[in-house]
Amino acid sequence: MADLKIRVYKDGESDPDTTVTVTGGILRIASRLIPKRAAEALQEKGIELDEIVELAENPEARGTLVEVEEHKKNERIVIALE
């Protein structure tokens, strides 16, 4: 199972300001531990955790899944399977 990587880029930088890695082995469990409010915020941006978990189980599914640009905050969030 692929690892889930969430990277936050600020001010147009090419290197991420923050990187969060959820290892594939615990991805299904970790997705259930996310607070309801956080899961709802992801859904508002079109990100479905259950679908990400299913994709992570597919050995051919790799790469960027979602890229969110927050223009008012001048940041970019990239969610990928690696």
Protein backbone atom coordinates (compact mmCIF):
# COMPACT_ATOMS: atom_id res chain seq x y z
CA MET A 1 0.00 0.00 0.00
CA ALA A 2 1.28 3.47 -0.93
CA ASP A 3 2.12 6.18 1.59
CA LEU A 4 -0.05 9.27 1.66
CA LYS A 5 1.94 12.52 1.46
CA ILE A 6 0.45 15.93 2.21
CA ARG A 7 2.71 18.86 1.41
CA VAL A 8 2.02 22.51 2.14
CA TYR A 9 3.86 25.13 0.10
CA LYS A 10 3.80 28.79 1.13
CA ASP A 11 4.51 32.00 -0.74
CA GLY A 12 5.20 30.24 -4.06
CA GLU A 13 8.21 28.35 -2.70
CA SER A 14 9.35 25.21 -4.54
CA ASP A 15 10.20 23.38 -1.29
CA PRO A 16 7.35 22.48 1.06
CA ASP A 17 6.94 24.35 4.34
CA THR A 18 5.28 21.29 5.90
CA THR A 19 5.14 17.61 4.91
CA VAL A 20 2.88 15.03 6.54
CA THR A 21 3.37 11.33 5.74
CA VAL A 22 0.85 8.63 6.62
CA THR A 23 2.38 5.22 5.95
CA GLY A 24 0.35 2.87 3.83
CA GLY A 25 0.24 0.21 6.51
CA ILE A 26 -1.79 2.39 8.85
CA LEU A 27 -3.62 4.55 6.30
CA ARG A 28 -6.99 2.82 6.71
CA ILE A 29 -6.86 3.08 10.52
CA ALA A 30 -5.53 6.65 10.44
CA SER A 31 -8.35 7.76 8.14
CA ARG A 32 -10.85 6.68 10.80
CA LEU A 33 -9.05 8.63 13.53
CA ILE A 34 -9.30 11.98 11.74
CA PRO A 35 -11.70 14.28 13.60
CA LYS A 36 -15.11 14.66 11.97
CA ARG A 37 -14.61 18.41 11.52
CA ALA A 38 -11.34 17.83 9.62
CA ALA A 39 -12.92 15.16 7.41
CA GLU A 40 -15.79 17.53 6.61
CA ALA A 41 -13.31 20.28 5.69
CA LEU A 42 -11.59 17.87 3.29
CA GLN A 43 -14.94 16.89 1.77
CA GLU A 44 -15.75 20.56 1.20
CA LYS A 45 -12.63 20.68 -0.97
CA GLY A 46 -13.71 17.55 -2.83
CA ILE A 47 -11.37 15.17 -1.00
CA GLU A 48 -12.91 11.82 0.00
CA LEU A 49 -10.76 9.91 2.51
CA ASP A 50 -12.35 6.54 1.75
CA GLU A 51 -11.50 6.90 -1.94
CA ILE A 52 -7.90 7.81 -1.12
CA VAL A 53 -7.58 4.68 1.03
CA GLU A 54 -8.96 2.54 -1.81
CA LEU A 55 -6.55 4.11 -4.29
CA ALA A 56 -3.60 3.54 -1.95
CA GLU A 57 -4.34 -0.20 -2.05
CA ASN A 58 -3.92 -0.22 -5.85
CA PRO A 59 -0.23 -0.76 -6.69
CA GLU A 60 -0.63 1.19 -9.96
CA ALA A 61 -2.11 4.30 -8.32
CA ARG A 62 0.75 6.70 -7.63
CA GLY A 63 1.29 10.41 -7.99
CA THR A 64 -0.60 13.60 -7.21
CA LEU A 65 -4.26 13.10 -6.34
CA VAL A 66 -5.33 16.60 -5.39
CA GLU A 67 -3.78 20.04 -5.55
CA VAL A 68 -5.54 22.83 -3.66
CA GLU A 69 -4.55 26.47 -4.02
CA GLU A 70 -5.56 28.82 -1.23
CA HIS A 71 -5.04 32.19 -2.91
CA LYS A 72 -5.95 34.31 0.11
CA LYS A 73 -3.43 32.41 2.25
CA ASN A 74 -0.90 32.26 -0.60
CA GLU A 75 -0.40 28.53 -0.12
CA ARG A 76 -0.69 25.35 -2.13
CA ILE A 77 -1.53 21.93 -0.70
CA VAL A 78 -0.58 18.78 -2.62
CA ILE A 79 -1.92 15.35 -1.68
CA ALA A 80 -0.13 12.43 -3.31
CA LEU A 81 0.36 8.68 -3.11
CA GLU A 82 3.98 7.59 -3.17
